Amino acid sequence: MEYKVIPFTPSIDRNKGNSAKVAQQLEVIISNYNDQGWRYVRLESVETYVIADPGCFGFGAKPGFTAYRQMIVFSKE
C-alpha cells in the first residue's frame, strides 16, 4: 500500500470566512486526489518544535515555539 501526505493550510477572509469555507477547501483537495486514484484516510495534526534563533550576538534573538500543522493522509493500493 502507498501513502501520500500533504499539508493542509486552509485560508479564509477574516471578515467573510467561516468553517464552511475551510470544509470546502478540504473537499476540493480530497476530490482532486480521489480523481488521481488516492483514497482519503484522515486529517492528522502534527506537532513540531521550531528551534530558537539566537540572533547575532543575542540581538534579534527569537525563542523557540511549538507549531501545529494539519496533514491530509491518502492511500492507494
PDB file of N, CA and C in Angstrom:
ATOM      1  N   MET A   1       0.845  -1.173   0.000  1.00  0.00           N
ATOM      2  CA  MET A   1       0.000   0.000   0.000  1.00  0.00           C
ATOM      3  C   MET A   1       0.893   1.239   0.000  1.00  0.00           C
ATOM      4  N   GLU A   2       0.518   2.230  -0.784  1.00  0.00           N
ATOM      5  CA  GLU A   2       1.227   3.508  -0.841  1.00  0.00           C
ATOM      6  C   GLU A   2       0.479   4.544  -0.017  1.00  0.00           C
ATOM      7  N   TYR A   3       1.221   5.481   0.534  1.00  0.00           N
ATOM      8  CA  TYR A   3       0.607   6.592   1.254  1.00  0.00           C
ATOM      9  C   TYR A   3       1.137   7.901   0.707  1.00  0.00           C
ATOM     10  N   LYS A   4       0.310   8.904   0.755  1.00  0.00           N
ATOM     11  CA  LYS A   4       0.703  10.261   0.374  1.00  0.00           C
ATOM     12  C   LYS A   4       0.201  11.182   1.470  1.00  0.00           C
ATOM     13  N   VAL A   5       1.064  12.056   1.940  1.00  0.00           N
ATOM     14  CA  VAL A   5       0.698  13.012   2.985  1.00  0.00           C
ATOM     15  C   VAL A   5       0.983  14.407   2.451  1.00  0.00           C
ATOM     16  N   ILE A   6      -0.030  15.263   2.489  1.00  0.00           N
ATOM     17  CA  ILE A   6       0.154  16.631   2.009  1.00  0.00           C
ATOM     18  C   ILE A   6      -0.279  17.615   3.098  1.00  0.00           C
ATOM     19  N   PRO A   7       0.379  18.767   3.154  1.00  0.00           N
ATOM     20  CA  PRO A   7      -0.019  19.762   4.150  1.00  0.00           C
ATOM     21  C   PRO A   7      -1.365  20.389   3.802  1.00  0.00           C
ATOM     22  N   PHE A   8      -2.138  20.704   4.814  1.00  0.00           N
ATOM     23  CA  PHE A   8      -3.420  21.382   4.630  1.00  0.00           C
ATOM     24  C   PHE A   8      -3.404  22.648   5.472  1.00  0.00           C
ATOM     25  N   THR A   9      -3.329  23.781   4.794  1.00  0.00           N
ATOM     26  CA  THR A   9      -3.337  25.074   5.463  1.00  0.00           C
ATOM     27  C   THR A   9      -4.478  25.892   4.880  1.00  0.00           C
ATOM     28  N   PRO A  10      -5.654  25.747   5.463  1.00  0.00           N
ATOM     29  CA  PRO A  10      -6.795  26.484   4.919  1.00  0.00           C
ATOM     30  C   PRO A  10      -6.638  27.987   5.138  1.00  0.00           C
ATOM     31  N   SER A  11      -7.241  28.750   4.248  1.00  0.00           N
ATOM     32  CA  SER A  11      -7.198  30.201   4.417  1.00  0.00           C
ATOM     33  C   SER A  11      -8.592  30.769   4.201  1.00  0.00           C
ATOM     34  N   ILE A  12      -8.939  31.719   5.030  1.00  0.00           N
ATOM     35  CA  ILE A  12     -10.237  32.378   4.900  1.00  0.00           C
ATOM     36  C   ILE A  12     -10.065  33.878   5.128  1.00  0.00           C
ATOM     37  N   ASP A  13     -10.965  34.628   4.553  1.00  0.00           N
ATOM     38  CA  ASP A  13     -11.023  36.069   4.774  1.00  0.00           C
ATOM     39  C   ASP A  13     -11.589  36.280   6.172  1.00  0.00           C
ATOM     40  N   ARG A  14     -10.878  36.991   7.000  1.00  0.00           N
ATOM     41  CA  ARG A  14     -11.312  37.142   8.394  1.00  0.00           C
ATOM     42  C   ARG A  14     -12.675  37.799   8.523  1.00  0.00           C
ATOM     43  N   ASN A  15     -13.123  38.560   7.521  1.00  0.00           N
ATOM     44  CA  ASN A  15     -14.429  39.226   7.589  1.00  0.00           C
ATOM     45  C   ASN A  15     -15.559  38.383   7.021  1.00  0.00           C
ATOM     46  N   LYS A  16     -15.239  37.524   6.052  1.00  0.00           N
ATOM     47  CA  LYS A  16     -16.283  36.744   5.386  1.00  0.00           C
ATOM     48  C   LYS A  16     -16.160  35.244   5.616  1.00  0.00           C
ATOM     49  N   GLY A  17     -15.007  34.791   6.059  1.00  0.00           N
ATOM     50  CA  GLY A  17     -14.744  33.365   6.151  1.00  0.00           C
ATOM     51  C   GLY A  17     -15.418  32.699   7.327  1.00  0.00           C
ATOM     52  N   ASN A  18     -15.653  31.403   7.169  1.00  0.00           N
ATOM     53  CA  ASN A  18     -16.196  30.600   8.261  1.00  0.00           C
ATOM     54  C   ASN A  18     -15.780  29.154   8.046  1.00  0.00           C
ATOM     55  N   SER A  19     -16.220  28.279   8.900  1.00  0.00           N
ATOM     56  CA  SER A  19     -15.802  26.880   8.811  1.00  0.00           C
ATOM     57  C   SER A  19     -16.300  26.219   7.527  1.00  0.00           C
ATOM     58  N   ALA A  20     -17.375  26.704   6.944  1.00  0.00           N
ATOM     59  CA  ALA A  20     -17.869  26.142   5.680  1.00  0.00           C
ATOM     60  C   ALA A  20     -16.845  26.350   4.567  1.00  0.00           C
ATOM     61  N   LYS A  21     -16.141  27.479   4.585  1.00  0.00           N
ATOM     62  CA  LYS A  21     -15.098  27.743   3.581  1.00  0.00           C
ATOM     63  C   LYS A  21     -13.931  26.769   3.754  1.00  0.00           C
ATOM     64  N   VAL A  22     -13.569  26.496   4.984  1.00  0.00           N
ATOM     65  CA  VAL A  22     -12.487  25.549   5.260  1.00  0.00           C
ATOM     66  C   VAL A  22     -12.901  24.156   4.794  1.00  0.00           C
ATOM     67  N   ALA A  23     -14.124  23.762   5.091  1.00  0.00           N
ATOM     68  CA  ALA A  23     -14.627  22.452   4.672  1.00  0.00           C
ATOM     69  C   ALA A  23     -14.627  22.339   3.147  1.00  0.00           C
ATOM     70  N   GLN A  24     -14.984  23.417   2.474  1.00  0.00           N
ATOM     71  CA  GLN A  24     -14.999  23.411   1.009  1.00  0.00           C
ATOM     72  C   GLN A  24     -13.586  23.231   0.451  1.00  0.00           C
ATOM     73  N   GLN A  25     -12.602  23.889   1.046  1.00  0.00           N
ATOM     74  CA  GLN A  25     -11.218  23.732   0.598  1.00  0.00           C
ATOM     75  C   GLN A  25     -10.742  22.295   0.767  1.00  0.00           C
ATOM     76  N   LEU A  26     -11.079  21.688   1.898  1.00  0.00           N
ATOM     77  CA  LEU A  26     -10.706  20.306   2.153  1.00  0.00           C
ATOM     78  C   LEU A  26     -11.394  19.373   1.155  1.00  0.00           C
ATOM     79  N   GLU A  27     -12.656  19.637   0.896  1.00  0.00           N
ATOM     80  CA  GLU A  27     -13.419  18.816  -0.049  1.00  0.00           C
ATOM     81  C   GLU A  27     -12.812  18.860  -1.452  1.00  0.00           C
ATOM     82  N   VAL A  28     -12.379  20.029  -1.891  1.00  0.00           N
ATOM     83  CA  VAL A  28     -11.763  20.164  -3.221  1.00  0.00           C
ATOM     84  C   VAL A  28     -10.478  19.344  -3.298  1.00  0.00           C
ATOM     85  N   ILE A  29      -9.650  19.423  -2.265  1.00  0.00           N
ATOM     86  CA  ILE A  29      -8.395  18.660  -2.263  1.00  0.00           C
ATOM     87  C   ILE A  29      -8.680  17.166  -2.282  1.00  0.00           C
ATOM     88  N   ILE A  30      -9.612  16.716  -1.445  1.00  0.00           N
ATOM     89  CA  ILE A  30      -9.948  15.289  -1.404  1.00  0.00           C
ATOM     90  C   ILE A  30     -10.470  14.827  -2.756  1.00  0.00           C
ATOM     91  N   SER A  31     -11.319  15.615  -3.384  1.00  0.00           N
ATOM     92  CA  SER A  31     -11.869  15.252  -4.704  1.00  0.00           C
ATOM     93  C   SER A  31     -10.771  15.165  -5.757  1.00  0.00           C
ATOM     94  N   ASN A  32      -9.837  16.137  -5.735  1.00  0.00           N
ATOM     95  CA  ASN A  32      -8.750  16.125  -6.719  1.00  0.00           C
ATOM     96  C   ASN A  32      -7.879  14.883  -6.582  1.00  0.00           C
ATOM     97  N   TYR A  33      -7.541  14.512  -5.367  1.00  0.00           N
ATOM     98  CA  TYR A  33      -6.710  13.333  -5.162  1.00  0.00           C
ATOM     99  C   TYR A  33      -7.492  12.057  -5.425  1.00  0.00           C
ATOM    100  N   ASN A  34      -8.773  12.067  -5.132  1.00  0.00           N
ATOM    101  CA  ASN A  34      -9.616  10.910  -5.434  1.00  0.00           C
ATOM    102  C   ASN A  34      -9.642  10.650  -6.939  1.00  0.00           C
ATOM    103  N   ASP A  35      -9.694  11.718  -7.734  1.00  0.00           N
ATOM    104  CA  ASP A  35      -9.667  11.583  -9.198  1.00  0.00           C
ATOM    105  C   ASP A  35      -8.362  10.981  -9.689  1.00  0.00           C
ATOM    106  N   GLN A  36      -7.301  11.103  -8.894  1.00  0.00           N
ATOM    107  CA  GLN A  36      -5.997  10.540  -9.247  1.00  0.00           C
ATOM    108  C   GLN A  36      -5.797   9.132  -8.683  1.00  0.00           C
ATOM    109  N   GLY A  37      -6.841   8.590  -8.065  1.00  0.00           N
ATOM    110  CA  GLY A  37      -6.775   7.231  -7.550  1.00  0.00           C
ATOM    111  C   GLY A  37      -6.397   7.118  -6.080  1.00  0.00           C
ATOM    112  N   TRP A  38      -6.269   8.242  -5.389  1.00  0.00           N
ATOM    113  CA  TRP A  38      -5.923   8.223  -3.967  1.00  0.00           C
ATOM    114  C   TRP A  38      -7.192   8.220  -3.137  1.00  0.00           C
ATOM    115  N   ARG A  39      -7.177   7.459  -2.038  1.00  0.00           N
ATOM    116  CA  ARG A  39      -8.320   7.375  -1.131  1.00  0.00           C
ATOM    117  C   ARG A  39      -8.000   8.158   0.132  1.00  0.00           C
ATOM    118  N   TYR A  40      -8.908   9.049   0.514  1.00  0.00           N
ATOM    119  CA  TYR A  40      -8.731   9.840   1.731  1.00  0.00           C
ATOM    120  C   TYR A  40      -8.745   8.911   2.939  1.00  0.00           C
ATOM    121  N   VAL A  41      -7.770   9.095   3.849  1.00  0.00           N
ATOM    122  CA  VAL A  41      -7.696   8.292   5.071  1.00  0.00           C
ATOM    123  C   VAL A  41      -8.109   9.138   6.273  1.00  0.00           C
ATOM    124  N   ARG A  42      -7.419  10.263   6.483  1.00  0.00           N
ATOM    125  CA  ARG A  42      -7.752  11.116   7.630  1.00  0.00           C
ATOM    126  C   ARG A  42      -6.972  12.424   7.570  1.00  0.00           C
ATOM    127  N   LEU A  43      -7.363  13.338   8.456  1.00  0.00           N
ATOM    128  CA  LEU A  43      -6.660  14.596   8.659  1.00  0.00           C
ATOM    129  C   LEU A  43      -5.897  14.458   9.969  1.00  0.00           C
ATOM    130  N   GLU A  44      -4.577  14.617   9.906  1.00  0.00           N
ATOM    131  CA  GLU A  44      -3.712  14.450  11.085  1.00  0.00           C
ATOM    132  C   GLU A  44      -3.174  15.791  11.533  1.00  0.00           C
ATOM    133  N   SER A  45      -3.075  15.986  12.821  1.00  0.00           N
ATOM    134  CA  SER A  45      -2.426  17.165  13.376  1.00  0.00           C
ATOM    135  C   SER A  45      -1.019  16.749  13.804  1.00  0.00           C
ATOM    136  N   VAL A  46      -0.018  17.472  13.305  1.00  0.00           N
ATOM    137  CA  VAL A  46       1.368  17.154  13.609  1.00  0.00           C
ATOM    138  C   VAL A  46       1.951  18.304  14.434  1.00  0.00           C
ATOM    139  N   GLU A  47       2.496  17.963  15.592  1.00  0.00           N
ATOM    140  CA  GLU A  47       3.119  18.955  16.466  1.00  0.00           C
ATOM    141  C   GLU A  47       4.616  18.938  16.215  1.00  0.00           C
ATOM    142  N   THR A  48       5.203  20.108  16.051  1.00  0.00           N
ATOM    143  CA  THR A  48       6.639  20.193  15.840  1.00  0.00           C
ATOM    144  C   THR A  48       7.200  21.356  16.649  1.00  0.00           C
ATOM    145  N   TYR A  49       8.476  21.279  16.965  1.00  0.00           N
ATOM    146  CA  TYR A  49       9.126  22.349  17.712  1.00  0.00           C
ATOM    147  C   TYR A  49      10.032  23.122  16.768  1.00  0.00           C
ATOM    148  N   VAL A  50       9.837  24.428  16.682  1.00  0.00           N
ATOM    149  CA  VAL A  50      10.685  25.296  15.871  1.00  0.00           C
ATOM    150  C   VAL A  50      11.808  25.801  16.780  1.00  0.00           C
ATOM    151  N   ILE A  51      13.022  25.491  16.388  1.00  0.00           N
ATOM    152  CA  ILE A  51      14.197  25.802  17.205  1.00  0.00           C
ATOM    153  C   ILE A  51      14.385  27.311  17.347  1.00  0.00           C
ATOM    154  N   ALA A  52      14.858  27.726  18.505  1.00  0.00           N
ATOM    155  CA  ALA A  52      15.124  29.140  18.774  1.00  0.00           C
ATOM    156  C   ALA A  52      16.177  29.683  17.821  1.00  0.00           C
ATOM    157  N   ASP A  53      16.064  30.966  17.509  1.00  0.00           N
ATOM    158  CA  ASP A  53      17.051  31.657  16.681  1.00  0.00           C
ATOM    159  C   ASP A  53      17.866  32.542  17.619  1.00  0.00           C
ATOM    160  N   PRO A  54      19.164  32.251  17.797  1.00  0.00           N
ATOM    161  CA  PRO A  54      19.959  33.013  18.767  1.00  0.00           C
ATOM    162  C   PRO A  54      20.259  34.443  18.327  1.00  0.00           C
ATOM    163  N   GLY A  55      20.011  34.775  17.068  1.00  0.00           N
ATOM    164  CA  GLY A  55      20.335  36.111  16.585  1.00  0.00           C
ATOM    165  C   GLY A  55      21.834  36.286  16.450  1.00  0.00           C
ATOM    166  N   CYS A  56      22.231  37.495  16.197  1.00  0.00           N
ATOM    167  CA  CYS A  56      23.660  37.807  16.055  1.00  0.00           C
ATOM    168  C   CYS A  56      24.112  38.484  17.342  1.00  0.00           C
ATOM    169  N   PHE A  57      24.934  37.808  18.111  1.00  0.00           N
ATOM    170  CA  PHE A  57      25.388  38.292  19.423  1.00  0.00           C
ATOM    171  C   PHE A  57      24.208  38.556  20.351  1.00  0.00           C
ATOM    172  N   GLY A  58      23.119  37.832  20.154  1.00  0.00           N
ATOM    173  CA  GLY A  58      21.946  37.967  21.013  1.00  0.00           C
ATOM    174  C   GLY A  58      20.935  38.998  20.528  1.00  0.00           C
ATOM    175  N   PHE A  59      21.326  39.840  19.565  1.00  0.00           N
ATOM    176  CA  PHE A  59      20.394  40.832  19.030  1.00  0.00           C
ATOM    177  C   PHE A  59      19.461  40.171  18.026  1.00  0.00           C
ATOM    178  N   GLY A  60      18.183  40.428  18.150  1.00  0.00           N
ATOM    179  CA  GLY A  60      17.208  39.841  17.240  1.00  0.00           C
ATOM    180  C   GLY A  60      16.899  38.392  17.562  1.00  0.00           C
ATOM    181  N   ALA A  61      17.288  37.938  18.743  1.00  0.00           N
ATOM    182  CA  ALA A  61      17.028  36.548  19.133  1.00  0.00           C
ATOM    183  C   ALA A  61      15.526  36.296  19.211  1.00  0.00           C
ATOM    184  N   LYS A  62      15.131  35.096  18.821  1.00  0.00           N
ATOM    185  CA  LYS A  62      13.725  34.704  18.886  1.00  0.00           C
ATOM    186  C   LYS A  62      13.634  33.368  19.614  1.00  0.00           C
ATOM    187  N   PRO A  63      12.703  33.258  20.550  1.00  0.00           N
ATOM    188  CA  PRO A  63      12.573  31.999  21.282  1.00  0.00           C
ATOM    189  C   PRO A  63      11.989  30.894  20.400  1.00  0.00           C
ATOM    190  N   GLY A  64      12.246  29.662  20.782  1.00  0.00           N
ATOM    191  CA  GLY A  64      11.640  28.538  20.083  1.00  0.00           C
ATOM    192  C   GLY A  64      10.163  28.454  20.454  1.00  0.00           C
ATOM    193  N   PHE A  65       9.422  27.736  19.643  1.00  0.00           N
ATOM    194  CA  PHE A  65       7.991  27.595  19.909  1.00  0.00           C
ATOM    195  C   PHE A  65       7.455  26.315  19.287  1.00  0.00           C
ATOM    196  N   THR A  66       6.309  25.909  19.759  1.00  0.00           N
ATOM    197  CA  THR A  66       5.636  24.733  19.221  1.00  0.00           C
ATOM    198  C   THR A  66       4.677  25.178  18.131  1.00  0.00           C
ATOM    199  N   ALA A  67       4.715  24.483  17.004  1.00  0.00           N
ATOM    200  CA  ALA A  67       3.821  24.785  15.884  1.00  0.00           C
ATOM    201  C   ALA A  67       3.014  23.532  15.554  1.00  0.00           C
ATOM    202  N   TYR A  68       1.817  23.741  15.088  1.00  0.00           N
ATOM    203  CA  TYR A  68       0.945  22.635  14.709  1.00  0.00           C
ATOM    204  C   TYR A  68       0.630  22.739  13.231  1.00  0.00           C
ATOM    205  N   ARG A  69       0.701  21.622  12.550  1.00  0.00           N
ATOM    206  CA  ARG A  69       0.402  21.570  11.126  1.00  0.00           C
ATOM    207  C   ARG A  69      -0.645  20.487  10.894  1.00  0.00           C
ATOM    208  N   GLN A  70      -1.534  20.756   9.960  1.00  0.00           N
ATOM    209  CA  GLN A  70      -2.548  19.767   9.574  1.00  0.00           C
ATOM    210  C   GLN A  70      -2.056  19.064   8.307  1.00  0.00           C
ATOM    211  N   MET A  71      -2.127  17.761   8.298  1.00  0.00           N
ATOM    212  CA  MET A  71      -1.698  16.956   7.153  1.00  0.00           C
ATOM    213  C   MET A  71      -2.847  16.060   6.712  1.00  0.00           C
ATOM    214  N   ILE A  72      -3.067  16.008   5.410  1.00  0.00           N
ATOM    215  CA  ILE A  72      -4.094  15.129   4.854  1.00  0.00           C
ATOM    216  C   ILE A  72      -3.413  13.836   4.426  1.00  0.00           C
ATOM    217  N   VAL A  73      -3.941  12.715   4.870  1.00  0.00           N
ATOM    218  CA  VAL A  73      -3.360  11.407   4.563  1.00  0.00           C
ATOM    219  C   VAL A  73      -4.229  10.706   3.530  1.00  0.00           C
ATOM    220  N   PHE A  74      -3.595  10.235   2.447  1.00  0.00           N
ATOM    221  CA  PHE A  74      -4.270   9.459   1.406  1.00  0.00           C
ATOM    222  C   PHE A  74      -3.575   8.118   1.275  1.00  0.00           C
ATOM    223  N   SER A  75      -4.270   7.149   0.738  1.00  0.00           N
ATOM    224  CA  SER A  75      -3.650   5.842   0.477  1.00  0.00           C
ATOM    225  C   SER A  75      -4.069   5.345  -0.903  1.00  0.00           C
ATOM    226  N   LYS A  76      -3.271   4.419  -1.421  1.00  0.00           N
ATOM    227  CA  LYS A  76      -3.541   3.819  -2.722  1.00  0.00           C
ATOM    228  C   LYS A  76      -3.001   2.400  -2.684  1.00  0.00           C
ATOM    229  N   GLU A  77      -3.781   1.464  -3.212  1.00  0.00           N
ATOM    230  CA  GLU A  77      -3.325   0.054  -3.214  1.00  0.00           C
ATOM    231  C   GLU A  77      -2.568  -0.263  -4.476  1.00  0.00           C
TER     232      GLU A  77
END
